[in-house]
Amino acid sequence: VARFEAPKRWQDVLDMVQYVNDHPDICKTLVLDTADWAEKMA
């Protein structure tokens, strides 16, 4: 699959989502894997 480089901190996750917002042609489905690990970063 296509994936971003593994985020190391919370801001990385937010920046990746924003990147997809700014470049909507990059994919048709954005997958956050997983919510519980993202919450831990927050």
PDB file of all heavy atoms in Angstrom:
ATOM      1  N   VAL A   1       0.843  -1.199   0.000  1.00  0.00           N
ATOM      2  CA  VAL A   1       0.000   0.000   0.000  1.00  0.00           C
ATOM      3  C   VAL A   1       0.879   1.250   0.000  1.00  0.00           C
ATOM      4  O   VAL A   1       2.082   1.188   0.292  1.00  0.00           O
ATOM      5  CB  VAL A   1      -0.933   0.043   1.236  1.00  0.00           C
ATOM      6  CG1 VAL A   1      -1.919  -1.115   1.215  1.00  0.00           C
ATOM      7  CG2 VAL A   1      -0.116   0.034   2.533  1.00  0.00           C
ATOM      8  N   ALA A   2       0.255   2.374  -0.306  1.00  0.00           N
ATOM      9  CA  ALA A   2       0.938   3.674  -0.195  1.00  0.00           C
ATOM     10  C   ALA A   2       0.777   4.171   1.235  1.00  0.00           C
ATOM     11  O   ALA A   2      -0.288   4.042   1.837  1.00  0.00           O
ATOM     12  CB  ALA A   2       0.334   4.668  -1.177  1.00  0.00           C
ATOM     13  N   ARG A   3       1.856   4.742   1.757  1.00  0.00           N
ATOM     14  CA  ARG A   3       1.826   5.226   3.139  1.00  0.00           C
ATOM     15  C   ARG A   3       2.766   6.410   3.295  1.00  0.00           C
ATOM     16  O   ARG A   3       3.771   6.534   2.580  1.00  0.00           O
ATOM     17  CB  ARG A   3       2.239   4.113   4.115  1.00  0.00           C
ATOM     18  CG  ARG A   3       3.646   3.629   3.904  1.00  0.00           C
ATOM     19  CD  ARG A   3       4.011   2.495   4.856  1.00  0.00           C
ATOM     20  NE  ARG A   3       3.332   1.251   4.557  1.00  0.00           N
ATOM     21  CZ  ARG A   3       3.708   0.407   3.581  1.00  0.00           C
ATOM     22  NH1 ARG A   3       4.725   0.711   2.800  1.00  0.00           N
ATOM     23  NH2 ARG A   3       3.058  -0.710   3.378  1.00  0.00           N
ATOM     24  N   PHE A   4       2.403   7.290   4.227  1.00  0.00           N
ATOM     25  CA  PHE A   4       3.331   8.344   4.626  1.00  0.00           C
ATOM     26  C   PHE A   4       4.464   7.716   5.446  1.00  0.00           C
ATOM     27  O   PHE A   4       4.312   6.623   6.016  1.00  0.00           O
ATOM     28  CB  PHE A   4       2.627   9.393   5.490  1.00  0.00           C
ATOM     29  CG  PHE A   4       1.729  10.332   4.731  1.00  0.00           C
ATOM     30  CD1 PHE A   4       0.348  10.207   4.816  1.00  0.00           C
ATOM     31  CD2 PHE A   4       2.265  11.353   3.962  1.00  0.00           C
ATOM     32  CE1 PHE A   4      -0.489  11.081   4.134  1.00  0.00           C
ATOM     33  CE2 PHE A   4       1.442  12.239   3.286  1.00  0.00           C
ATOM     34  CZ  PHE A   4       0.065  12.100   3.363  1.00  0.00           C
ATOM     35  N   GLU A   5       5.583   8.415   5.525  1.00  0.00           N
ATOM     36  CA  GLU A   5       6.608   8.001   6.470  1.00  0.00           C
ATOM     37  C   GLU A   5       6.013   8.031   7.871  1.00  0.00           C
ATOM     38  O   GLU A   5       5.231   8.918   8.208  1.00  0.00           O
ATOM     39  CB  GLU A   5       7.801   8.960   6.381  1.00  0.00           C
ATOM     40  CG  GLU A   5       8.970   8.571   7.253  1.00  0.00           C
ATOM     41  CD  GLU A   5      10.138   9.519   7.103  1.00  0.00           C
ATOM     42  OE1 GLU A   5      10.067  10.426   6.244  1.00  0.00           O
ATOM     43  OE2 GLU A   5      11.119   9.361   7.849  1.00  0.00           O
ATOM     44  N   ALA A   6       6.355   7.042   8.665  1.00  0.00           N
ATOM     45  CA  ALA A   6       5.728   6.889   9.982  1.00  0.00           C
ATOM     46  C   ALA A   6       5.807   8.174  10.796  1.00  0.00           C
ATOM     47  O   ALA A   6       6.898   8.729  10.987  1.00  0.00           O
ATOM     48  CB  ALA A   6       6.391   5.757  10.754  1.00  0.00           C
ATOM     49  N   PRO A   7       4.666   8.684  11.290  1.00  0.00           N
ATOM     50  CA  PRO A   7       4.685   9.896  12.112  1.00  0.00           C
ATOM     51  C   PRO A   7       5.349   9.626  13.452  1.00  0.00           C
ATOM     52  O   PRO A   7       5.157   8.568  14.051  1.00  0.00           O
ATOM     53  CB  PRO A   7       3.198  10.222  12.281  1.00  0.00           C
ATOM     54  CG  PRO A   7       2.496   8.909  12.128  1.00  0.00           C
ATOM     55  CD  PRO A   7       3.304   8.141  11.121  1.00  0.00           C
ATOM     56  N   LYS A   8       6.125  10.594  13.910  1.00  0.00           N
ATOM     57  CA  LYS A   8       6.820  10.431  15.188  1.00  0.00           C
ATOM     58  C   LYS A   8       6.160  11.222  16.313  1.00  0.00           C
ATOM     59  O   LYS A   8       6.402  10.952  17.482  1.00  0.00           O
ATOM     60  CB  LYS A   8       8.280  10.860  15.039  1.00  0.00           C
ATOM     61  CG  LYS A   8       9.090   9.976  14.090  1.00  0.00           C
ATOM     62  CD  LYS A   8      10.524  10.451  13.996  1.00  0.00           C
ATOM     63  CE  LYS A   8      11.375   9.492  13.160  1.00  0.00           C
ATOM     64  NZ  LYS A   8      10.863   9.348  11.783  1.00  0.00           N
ATOM     65  N   ARG A   9       5.347  12.200  15.967  1.00  0.00           N
ATOM     66  CA  ARG A   9       4.680  13.009  16.981  1.00  0.00           C
ATOM     67  C   ARG A   9       3.318  13.459  16.452  1.00  0.00           C
ATOM     68  O   ARG A   9       2.995  13.300  15.277  1.00  0.00           O
ATOM     69  CB  ARG A   9       5.543  14.206  17.368  1.00  0.00           C
ATOM     70  CG  ARG A   9       5.992  15.062  16.199  1.00  0.00           C
ATOM     71  CD  ARG A   9       6.975  16.146  16.644  1.00  0.00           C
ATOM     72  NE  ARG A   9       7.347  16.999  15.521  1.00  0.00           N
ATOM     73  CZ  ARG A   9       8.314  16.730  14.663  1.00  0.00           C
ATOM     74  NH1 ARG A   9       9.015  15.612  14.800  1.00  0.00           N
ATOM     75  NH2 ARG A   9       8.596  17.553  13.668  1.00  0.00           N
ATOM     76  N   TRP A  10       2.534  14.028  17.334  1.00  0.00           N
ATOM     77  CA  TRP A  10       1.154  14.422  17.033  1.00  0.00           C
ATOM     78  C   TRP A  10       1.073  15.398  15.864  1.00  0.00           C
ATOM     79  O   TRP A  10       0.226  15.255  14.983  1.00  0.00           O
ATOM     80  CB  TRP A  10       0.518  15.017  18.280  1.00  0.00           C
ATOM     81  CG  TRP A  10      -0.865  15.560  18.099  1.00  0.00           C
ATOM     82  CD1 TRP A  10      -1.273  16.840  18.296  1.00  0.00           C
ATOM     83  CD2 TRP A  10      -2.029  14.820  17.724  1.00  0.00           C
ATOM     84  NE1 TRP A  10      -2.612  16.961  18.062  1.00  0.00           N
ATOM     85  CE2 TRP A  10      -3.114  15.726  17.710  1.00  0.00           C
ATOM     86  CE3 TRP A  10      -2.271  13.491  17.393  1.00  0.00           C
ATOM     87  CZ2 TRP A  10      -4.409  15.359  17.372  1.00  0.00           C
ATOM     88  CZ3 TRP A  10      -3.567  13.107  17.053  1.00  0.00           C
ATOM     89  CH2 TRP A  10      -4.610  14.031  17.042  1.00  0.00           C
ATOM     90  N   GLN A  11       1.958  16.365  15.834  1.00  0.00           N
ATOM     91  CA  GLN A  11       1.913  17.356  14.769  1.00  0.00           C
ATOM     92  C   GLN A  11       2.141  16.710  13.406  1.00  0.00           C
ATOM     93  O   GLN A  11       1.589  17.171  12.397  1.00  0.00           O
ATOM     94  CB  GLN A  11       2.947  18.457  15.007  1.00  0.00           C
ATOM     95  CG  GLN A  11       2.820  19.648  14.057  1.00  0.00           C
ATOM     96  CD  GLN A  11       1.448  20.321  14.135  1.00  0.00           C
ATOM     97  OE1 GLN A  11       0.946  20.595  15.225  1.00  0.00           O
ATOM     98  NE2 GLN A  11       0.831  20.569  12.979  1.00  0.00           N
ATOM     99  N   ASP A  12       2.911  15.627  13.360  1.00  0.00           N
ATOM    100  CA  ASP A  12       3.124  14.913  12.100  1.00  0.00           C
ATOM    101  C   ASP A  12       1.803  14.389  11.544  1.00  0.00           C
ATOM    102  O   ASP A  12       1.544  14.463  10.343  1.00  0.00           O
ATOM    103  CB  ASP A  12       4.091  13.740  12.304  1.00  0.00           C
ATOM    104  CG  ASP A  12       5.503  14.197  12.608  1.00  0.00           C
ATOM    105  OD1 ASP A  12       5.819  15.370  12.327  1.00  0.00           O
ATOM    106  OD2 ASP A  12       6.281  13.381  13.131  1.00  0.00           O
ATOM    107  N   VAL A  13       0.971  13.844  12.441  1.00  0.00           N
ATOM    108  CA  VAL A  13      -0.327  13.309  12.016  1.00  0.00           C
ATOM    109  C   VAL A  13      -1.190  14.425  11.430  1.00  0.00           C
ATOM    110  O   VAL A  13      -1.788  14.278  10.351  1.00  0.00           O
ATOM    111  CB  VAL A  13      -1.053  12.638  13.201  1.00  0.00           C
ATOM    112  CG1 VAL A  13      -2.451  12.174  12.788  1.00  0.00           C
ATOM    113  CG2 VAL A  13      -0.243  11.457  13.725  1.00  0.00           C
ATOM    114  N   LEU A  14      -1.255  15.551  12.133  1.00  0.00           N
ATOM    115  CA  LEU A  14      -2.048  16.677  11.649  1.00  0.00           C
ATOM    116  C   LEU A  14      -1.520  17.194  10.312  1.00  0.00           C
ATOM    117  O   LEU A  14      -2.297  17.511   9.399  1.00  0.00           O
ATOM    118  CB  LEU A  14      -2.050  17.804  12.682  1.00  0.00           C
ATOM    119  CG  LEU A  14      -2.635  17.468  14.060  1.00  0.00           C
ATOM    120  CD1 LEU A  14      -2.498  18.670  14.990  1.00  0.00           C
ATOM    121  CD2 LEU A  14      -4.084  17.044  13.956  1.00  0.00           C
ATOM    122  N   ASP A  15      -0.195  17.242  10.186  1.00  0.00           N
ATOM    123  CA  ASP A  15       0.402  17.738   8.946  1.00  0.00           C
ATOM    124  C   ASP A  15       0.098  16.809   7.772  1.00  0.00           C
ATOM    125  O   ASP A  15      -0.123  17.270   6.640  1.00  0.00           O
ATOM    126  CB  ASP A  15       1.917  17.869   9.109  1.00  0.00           C
ATOM    127  CG  ASP A  15       2.314  19.016  10.029  1.00  0.00           C
ATOM    128  OD1 ASP A  15       1.449  19.878  10.299  1.00  0.00           O
ATOM    129  OD2 ASP A  15       3.471  19.041  10.482  1.00  0.00           O
ATOM    130  N   MET A  16       0.060  15.512   8.017  1.00  0.00           N
ATOM    131  CA  MET A  16      -0.237  14.556   6.947  1.00  0.00           C
ATOM    132  C   MET A  16      -1.672  14.701   6.451  1.00  0.00           C
ATOM    133  O   MET A  16      -1.944  14.654   5.252  1.00  0.00           O
ATOM    134  CB  MET A  16       0.015  13.126   7.448  1.00  0.00           C
ATOM    135  CG  MET A  16       1.480  12.816   7.663  1.00  0.00           C
ATOM    136  SD  MET A  16       1.733  11.233   8.487  1.00  0.00           S
ATOM    137  CE  MET A  16       3.521  11.243   8.695  1.00  0.00           C
ATOM    138  N   VAL A  17      -2.598  14.881   7.387  1.00  0.00           N
ATOM    139  CA  VAL A  17      -3.996  15.086   6.995  1.00  0.00           C
ATOM    140  C   VAL A  17      -4.127  16.395   6.218  1.00  0.00           C
ATOM    141  O   VAL A  17      -4.827  16.462   5.197  1.00  0.00           O
ATOM    142  CB  VAL A  17      -4.921  15.097   8.232  1.00  0.00           C
ATOM    143  CG1 VAL A  17      -6.362  15.373   7.811  1.00  0.00           C
ATOM    144  CG2 VAL A  17      -4.836  13.765   8.970  1.00  0.00           C
ATOM    145  N   GLN A  18      -3.442  17.431   6.678  1.00  0.00           N
ATOM    146  CA  GLN A  18      -3.492  18.711   5.980  1.00  0.00           C
ATOM    147  C   GLN A  18      -2.898  18.594   4.582  1.00  0.00           C
ATOM    148  O   GLN A  18      -3.384  19.218   3.635  1.00  0.00           O
ATOM    149  CB  GLN A  18      -2.742  19.770   6.781  1.00  0.00           C
ATOM    150  CG  GLN A  18      -2.859  21.177   6.207  1.00  0.00           C
ATOM    151  CD  GLN A  18      -4.304  21.645   6.117  1.00  0.00           C
ATOM    152  OE1 GLN A  18      -5.033  21.605   7.116  1.00  0.00           O
ATOM    153  NE2 GLN A  18      -4.729  22.067   4.932  1.00  0.00           N
ATOM    154  N   TYR A  19      -1.864  17.784   4.428  1.00  0.00           N
ATOM    155  CA  TYR A  19      -1.247  17.590   3.121  1.00  0.00           C
ATOM    156  C   TYR A  19      -2.259  16.987   2.139  1.00  0.00           C
ATOM    157  O   TYR A  19      -2.319  17.390   0.967  1.00  0.00           O
ATOM    158  CB  TYR A  19      -0.030  16.678   3.245  1.00  0.00           C
ATOM    159  CG  TYR A  19       0.727  16.515   1.944  1.00  0.00           C
ATOM    160  CD1 TYR A  19       1.711  17.432   1.575  1.00  0.00           C
ATOM    161  CD2 TYR A  19       0.473  15.445   1.086  1.00  0.00           C
ATOM    162  CE1 TYR A  19       2.410  17.293   0.375  1.00  0.00           C
ATOM    163  CE2 TYR A  19       1.154  15.300  -0.108  1.00  0.00           C
ATOM    164  CZ  TYR A  19       2.118  16.233  -0.459  1.00  0.00           C
ATOM    165  OH  TYR A  19       2.793  16.091  -1.660  1.00  0.00           O
ATOM    166  N   VAL A  20      -3.049  16.028   2.620  1.00  0.00           N
ATOM    167  CA  VAL A  20      -4.077  15.432   1.755  1.00  0.00           C
ATOM    168  C   VAL A  20      -5.134  16.477   1.408  1.00  0.00           C
ATOM    169  O   VAL A  20      -5.632  16.519   0.277  1.00  0.00           O
ATOM    170  CB  VAL A  20      -4.711  14.203   2.438  1.00  0.00           C
ATOM    171  CG1 VAL A  20      -5.867  13.650   1.598  1.00  0.00           C
ATOM    172  CG2 VAL A  20      -3.667  13.122   2.671  1.00  0.00           C
ATOM    173  N   ASN A  21      -5.463  17.332   2.370  1.00  0.00           N
ATOM    174  CA  ASN A  21      -6.398  18.427   2.086  1.00  0.00           C
ATOM    175  C   ASN A  21      -5.867  19.336   0.983  1.00  0.00           C
ATOM    176  O   ASN A  21      -6.611  19.795   0.112  1.00  0.00           O
ATOM    177  CB  ASN A  21      -6.645  19.256   3.354  1.00  0.00           C
ATOM    178  CG  ASN A  21      -7.824  18.765   4.159  1.00  0.00           C
ATOM    179  OD1 ASN A  21      -8.884  18.492   3.613  1.00  0.00           O
ATOM    180  ND2 ASN A  21      -7.648  18.633   5.456  1.00  0.00           N
ATOM    181  N   ASP A  22      -4.572  19.597   1.030  1.00  0.00           N
ATOM    182  CA  ASP A  22      -3.964  20.500   0.055  1.00  0.00           C
ATOM    183  C   ASP A  22      -3.693  19.824  -1.290  1.00  0.00           C
ATOM    184  O   ASP A  22      -3.532  20.509  -2.308  1.00  0.00           O
ATOM    185  CB  ASP A  22      -2.640  21.048   0.615  1.00  0.00           C
ATOM    186  CG  ASP A  22      -2.839  21.911   1.846  1.00  0.00           C
ATOM    187  OD1 ASP A  22      -3.961  22.433   2.026  1.00  0.00           O
ATOM    188  OD2 ASP A  22      -1.877  22.044   2.641  1.00  0.00           O
ATOM    189  N   HIS A  23      -3.630  18.471  -1.274  1.00  0.00           N
ATOM    190  CA  HIS A  23      -3.356  17.716  -2.504  1.00  0.00           C
ATOM    191  C   HIS A  23      -4.392  16.590  -2.635  1.00  0.00           C
ATOM    192  O   HIS A  23      -4.066  15.406  -2.495  1.00  0.00           O
ATOM    193  CB  HIS A  23      -1.942  17.130  -2.469  1.00  0.00           C
ATOM    194  CG  HIS A  23      -0.871  18.153  -2.274  1.00  0.00           C
ATOM    195  ND1 HIS A  23      -0.528  18.649  -1.025  1.00  0.00           N
ATOM    196  CD2 HIS A  23      -0.069  18.793  -3.171  1.00  0.00           C
ATOM    197  CE1 HIS A  23       0.448  19.534  -1.174  1.00  0.00           C
ATOM    198  NE2 HIS A  23       0.738  19.650  -2.449  1.00  0.00           N
ATOM    199  N   PRO A  24      -5.648  16.929  -2.902  1.00  0.00           N
ATOM    200  CA  PRO A  24      -6.725  15.934  -2.902  1.00  0.00           C
ATOM    201  C   PRO A  24      -6.621  14.868  -3.989  1.00  0.00           C
ATOM    202  O   PRO A  24      -7.323  13.856  -3.921  1.00  0.00           O
ATOM    203  CB  PRO A  24      -7.990  16.790  -3.094  1.00  0.00           C
ATOM    204  CG  PRO A  24      -7.513  18.037  -3.733  1.00  0.00           C
ATOM    205  CD  PRO A  24      -6.148  18.289  -3.179  1.00  0.00           C
ATOM    206  N   ASP A  25      -5.752  15.072  -4.980  1.00  0.00           N
ATOM    207  CA  ASP A  25      -5.602  14.071  -6.031  1.00  0.00           C
ATOM    208  C   ASP A  25      -4.642  12.956  -5.641  1.00  0.00           C
ATOM    209  O   ASP A  25      -4.441  12.003  -6.414  1.00  0.00           O
ATOM    210  CB  ASP A  25      -5.088  14.736  -7.321  1.00  0.00           C
ATOM    211  CG  ASP A  25      -6.100  15.709  -7.912  1.00  0.00           C
ATOM    212  OD1 ASP A  25      -7.308  15.506  -7.675  1.00  0.00           O
ATOM    213  OD2 ASP A  25      -5.684  16.657  -8.598  1.00  0.00           O
ATOM    214  N   ILE A  26      -4.066  13.024  -4.446  1.00  0.00           N
ATOM    215  CA  ILE A  26      -3.053  12.058  -4.040  1.00  0.00           C
ATOM    216  C   ILE A  26      -3.641  10.684  -3.715  1.00  0.00           C
ATOM    217  O   ILE A  26      -2.949   9.658  -3.782  1.00  0.00           O
ATOM    218  CB  ILE A  26      -2.256  12.603  -2.831  1.00  0.00           C
ATOM    219  CG1 ILE A  26      -0.954  11.845  -2.667  1.00  0.00           C
ATOM    220  CG2 ILE A  26      -3.079  12.544  -1.547  1.00  0.00           C
ATOM    221  CD1 ILE A  26      -0.034  12.429  -1.616  1.00  0.00           C
ATOM    222  N   CYS A  27      -4.924  10.628  -3.358  1.00  0.00           N
ATOM    223  CA  CYS A  27      -5.555   9.354  -3.005  1.00  0.00           C
ATOM    224  C   CYS A  27      -7.071   9.490  -3.099  1.00  0.00           C
ATOM    225  O   CYS A  27      -7.600  10.588  -3.261  1.00  0.00           O
ATOM    226  CB  CYS A  27      -5.164   8.909  -1.596  1.00  0.00           C
ATOM    227  SG  CYS A  27      -5.751  10.029  -0.285  1.00  0.00           S
ATOM    228  N   LYS A  28      -7.755   8.350  -2.981  1.00  0.00           N
ATOM    229  CA  LYS A  28      -9.216   8.355  -2.911  1.00  0.00           C
ATOM    230  C   LYS A  28      -9.719   7.915  -1.546  1.00  0.00           C
ATOM    231  O   LYS A  28     -10.902   8.066  -1.235  1.00  0.00           O
ATOM    232  CB  LYS A  28      -9.804   7.450  -4.002  1.00  0.00           C
ATOM    233  CG  LYS A  28      -9.619   7.984  -5.409  1.00  0.00           C
ATOM    234  CD  LYS A  28     -10.383   7.158  -6.433  1.00  0.00           C
ATOM    235  CE  LYS A  28     -10.256   7.771  -7.824  1.00  0.00           C
ATOM    236  NZ  LYS A  28     -10.982   6.978  -8.851  1.00  0.00           N
ATOM    237  N   THR A  29      -8.813   7.346  -0.747  1.00  0.00           N
ATOM    238  CA  THR A  29      -9.147   6.945   0.626  1.00  0.00           C
ATOM    239  C   THR A  29      -7.954   7.264   1.519  1.00  0.00           C
ATOM    240  O   THR A  29      -6.820   6.872   1.205  1.00  0.00           O
ATOM    241  CB  THR A  29      -9.454   5.437   0.723  1.00  0.00           C
ATOM    242  OG1 THR A  29     -10.515   5.093  -0.171  1.00  0.00           O
ATOM    243  CG2 THR A  29      -9.868   5.065   2.149  1.00  0.00           C
ATOM    244  N   LEU A  30      -8.206   7.963   2.616  1.00  0.00           N
ATOM    245  CA  LEU A  30      -7.175   8.228   3.617  1.00  0.00           C
ATOM    246  C   LEU A  30      -7.447   7.329   4.818  1.00  0.00           C
ATOM    247  O   LEU A  30      -8.564   7.318   5.348  1.00  0.00           O
ATOM    248  CB  LEU A  30      -7.176   9.694   4.038  1.00  0.00           C
ATOM    249  CG  LEU A  30      -6.156  10.079   5.115  1.00  0.00           C
ATOM    250  CD1 LEU A  30      -4.734   9.843   4.626  1.00  0.00           C
ATOM    251  CD2 LEU A  30      -6.355  11.534   5.543  1.00  0.00           C
ATOM    252  N   VAL A  31      -6.440   6.578   5.246  1.00  0.00           N
ATOM    253  CA  VAL A  31      -6.609   5.621   6.342  1.00  0.00           C
ATOM    254  C   VAL A  31      -5.738   6.038   7.519  1.00  0.00           C
ATOM    255  O   VAL A  31      -4.512   6.171   7.374  1.00  0.00           O
ATOM    256  CB  VAL A  31      -6.228   4.188   5.905  1.00  0.00           C
ATOM    257  CG1 VAL A  31      -6.490   3.203   7.055  1.00  0.00           C
ATOM    258  CG2 VAL A  31      -6.993   3.781   4.657  1.00  0.00           C
ATOM    259  N   LEU A  32      -6.355   6.241   8.670  1.00  0.00           N
ATOM    260  CA  LEU A  32      -5.626   6.496   9.912  1.00  0.00           C
ATOM    261  C   LEU A  32      -5.527   5.179  10.671  1.00  0.00           C
ATOM    262  O   LEU A  32      -6.524   4.620  11.110  1.00  0.00           O
ATOM    263  CB  LEU A  32      -6.346   7.528  10.781  1.00  0.00           C
ATOM    264  CG  LEU A  32      -5.743   7.783  12.166  1.00  0.00           C
ATOM    265  CD1 LEU A  32      -4.320   8.326  12.051  1.00  0.00           C
ATOM    266  CD2 LEU A  32      -6.621   8.731  12.980  1.00  0.00           C
ATOM    267  N   ASP A  33      -4.317   4.687  10.839  1.00  0.00           N
ATOM    268  CA  ASP A  33      -4.093   3.364  11.428  1.00  0.00           C
ATOM    269  C   ASP A  33      -3.033   3.508  12.535  1.00  0.00           C
ATOM    270  O   ASP A  33      -1.841   3.490  12.256  1.00  0.00           O
ATOM    271  CB  ASP A  33      -3.614   2.421  10.323  1.00  0.00           C
ATOM    272  CG  ASP A  33      -3.571   0.961  10.727  1.00  0.00           C
ATOM    273  OD1 ASP A  33      -3.840   0.668  11.903  1.00  0.00           O
ATOM    274  OD2 ASP A  33      -3.257   0.114   9.867  1.00  0.00           O
ATOM    275  N   THR A  34      -3.431   3.680  13.807  1.00  0.00           N
ATOM    276  CA  THR A  34      -4.756   3.528  14.397  1.00  0.00           C
ATOM    277  C   THR A  34      -5.124   4.761  15.220  1.00  0.00           C
ATOM    278  O   THR A  34      -4.249   5.550  15.579  1.00  0.00           O
ATOM    279  CB  THR A  34      -4.791   2.320  15.356  1.00  0.00           C
ATOM    280  OG1 THR A  34      -3.830   2.556  16.392  1.00  0.00           O
ATOM    281  CG2 THR A  34      -4.479   1.019  14.657  1.00  0.00           C
ATOM    282  N   ALA A  35      -6.422   4.847  15.580  1.00  0.00           N
ATOM    283  CA  ALA A  35      -6.900   5.980  16.369  1.00  0.00           C
ATOM    284  C   ALA A  35      -6.311   5.981  17.769  1.00  0.00           C
ATOM    285  O   ALA A  35      -5.974   7.036  18.319  1.00  0.00           O
ATOM    286  CB  ALA A  35      -8.425   5.947  16.450  1.00  0.00           C
ATOM    287  N   ASP A  36      -6.174   4.786  18.384  1.00  0.00           N
ATOM    288  CA  ASP A  36      -5.689   4.749  19.763  1.00  0.00           C
ATOM    289  C   ASP A  36      -4.219   5.159  19.861  1.00  0.00           C
ATOM    290  O   ASP A  36      -3.809   5.808  20.822  1.00  0.00           O
ATOM    291  CB  ASP A  36      -5.918   3.369  20.401  1.00  0.00           C
ATOM    292  CG  ASP A  36      -5.855   2.219  19.431  1.00  0.00           C
ATOM    293  OD1 ASP A  36      -6.585   2.239  18.439  1.00  0.00           O
ATOM    294  OD2 ASP A  36      -5.062   1.294  19.660  1.00  0.00           O
ATOM    295  N   TRP A  37      -3.417   4.830  18.851  1.00  0.00           N
ATOM    296  CA  TRP A  37      -2.031   5.275  18.867  1.00  0.00           C
ATOM    297  C   TRP A  37      -1.939   6.767  18.572  1.00  0.00           C
ATOM    298  O   TRP A  37      -1.072   7.456  19.114  1.00  0.00           O
ATOM    299  CB  TRP A  37      -1.206   4.461  17.863  1.00  0.00           C
ATOM    300  CG  TRP A  37      -0.765   3.143  18.406  1.00  0.00           C
ATOM    301  CD1 TRP A  37      -1.568   2.156  18.904  1.00  0.00           C
ATOM    302  CD2 TRP A  37       0.575   2.666  18.530  1.00  0.00           C
ATOM    303  NE1 TRP A  37      -0.817   1.084  19.315  1.00  0.00           N
ATOM    304  CE2 TRP A  37       0.509   1.367  19.097  1.00  0.00           C
ATOM    305  CE3 TRP A  37       1.820   3.193  18.199  1.00  0.00           C
ATOM    306  CZ2 TRP A  37       1.643   0.606  19.356  1.00  0.00           C
ATOM    307  CZ3 TRP A  37       2.955   2.433  18.447  1.00  0.00           C
ATOM    308  CH2 TRP A  37       2.868   1.151  19.016  1.00  0.00           C
ATOM    309  N   ALA A  38      -2.824   7.257  17.711  1.00  0.00           N
ATOM    310  CA  ALA A  38      -2.839   8.694  17.440  1.00  0.00           C
ATOM    311  C   ALA A  38      -3.231   9.467  18.695  1.00  0.00           C
ATOM    312  O   ALA A  38      -2.641  10.516  19.006  1.00  0.00           O
ATOM    313  CB  ALA A  38      -3.818   9.002  16.305  1.00  0.00           C
ATOM    314  N   GLU A  39      -4.196   8.960  19.441  1.00  0.00           N
ATOM    315  CA  GLU A  39      -4.588   9.622  20.682  1.00  0.00           C
ATOM    316  C   GLU A  39      -3.429   9.639  21.678  1.00  0.00           C
ATOM    317  O   GLU A  39      -3.223  10.624  22.395  1.00  0.00           O
ATOM    318  CB  GLU A  39      -5.794   8.921  21.306  1.00  0.00           C
ATOM    319  CG  GLU A  39      -6.286   9.612  22.573  1.00  0.00           C
ATOM    320  CD  GLU A  39      -7.343   8.837  23.327  1.00  0.00           C
ATOM    321  OE1 GLU A  39      -7.607   7.676  22.957  1.00  0.00           O
ATOM    322  OE2 GLU A  39      -7.897   9.393  24.287  1.00  0.00           O
ATOM    323  N   LYS A  40      -2.665   8.556  21.698  1.00  0.00           N
ATOM    324  CA  LYS A  40      -1.499   8.503  22.584  1.00  0.00           C
ATOM    325  C   LYS A  40      -0.504   9.604  22.211  1.00  0.00           C
ATOM    326  O   LYS A  40       0.084  10.248  23.087  1.00  0.00           O
ATOM    327  CB  LYS A  40      -0.847   7.128  22.470  1.00  0.00           C
ATOM    328  CG  LYS A  40       0.377   6.945  23.340  1.00  0.00           C
ATOM    329  CD  LYS A  40       0.990   5.560  23.137  1.00  0.00           C
ATOM    330  CE  LYS A  40       2.259   5.394  23.957  1.00  0.00           C
ATOM    331  NZ  LYS A  40       2.901   4.069  23.720  1.00  0.00           N
ATOM    332  N   MET A  41      -0.313   9.838  20.918  1.00  0.00           N
ATOM    333  CA  MET A  41       0.577  10.907  20.469  1.00  0.00           C
ATOM    334  C   MET A  41       0.058  12.276  20.909  1.00  0.00           C
ATOM    335  O   MET A  41       0.837  13.147  21.313  1.00  0.00           O
ATOM    336  CB  MET A  41       0.708  10.871  18.942  1.00  0.00           C
ATOM    337  CG  MET A  41       1.506   9.710  18.408  1.00  0.00           C
ATOM    338  SD  MET A  41       1.630   9.769  16.602  1.00  0.00           S
ATOM    339  CE  MET A  41       2.762   8.401  16.318  1.00  0.00           C
ATOM    340  N   ALA A  42      -1.269  12.456  20.840  1.00  0.00           N
ATOM    341  CA  ALA A  42      -1.860  13.729  21.276  1.00  0.00           C
ATOM    342  C   ALA A  42      -1.619  13.949  22.759  1.00  0.00           C
ATOM    343  O   ALA A  42      -1.294  15.063  23.199  1.00  0.00           O
ATOM    344  CB  ALA A  42      -3.354  13.735  20.963  1.00  0.00           C
TER     345      ALA A  42
END
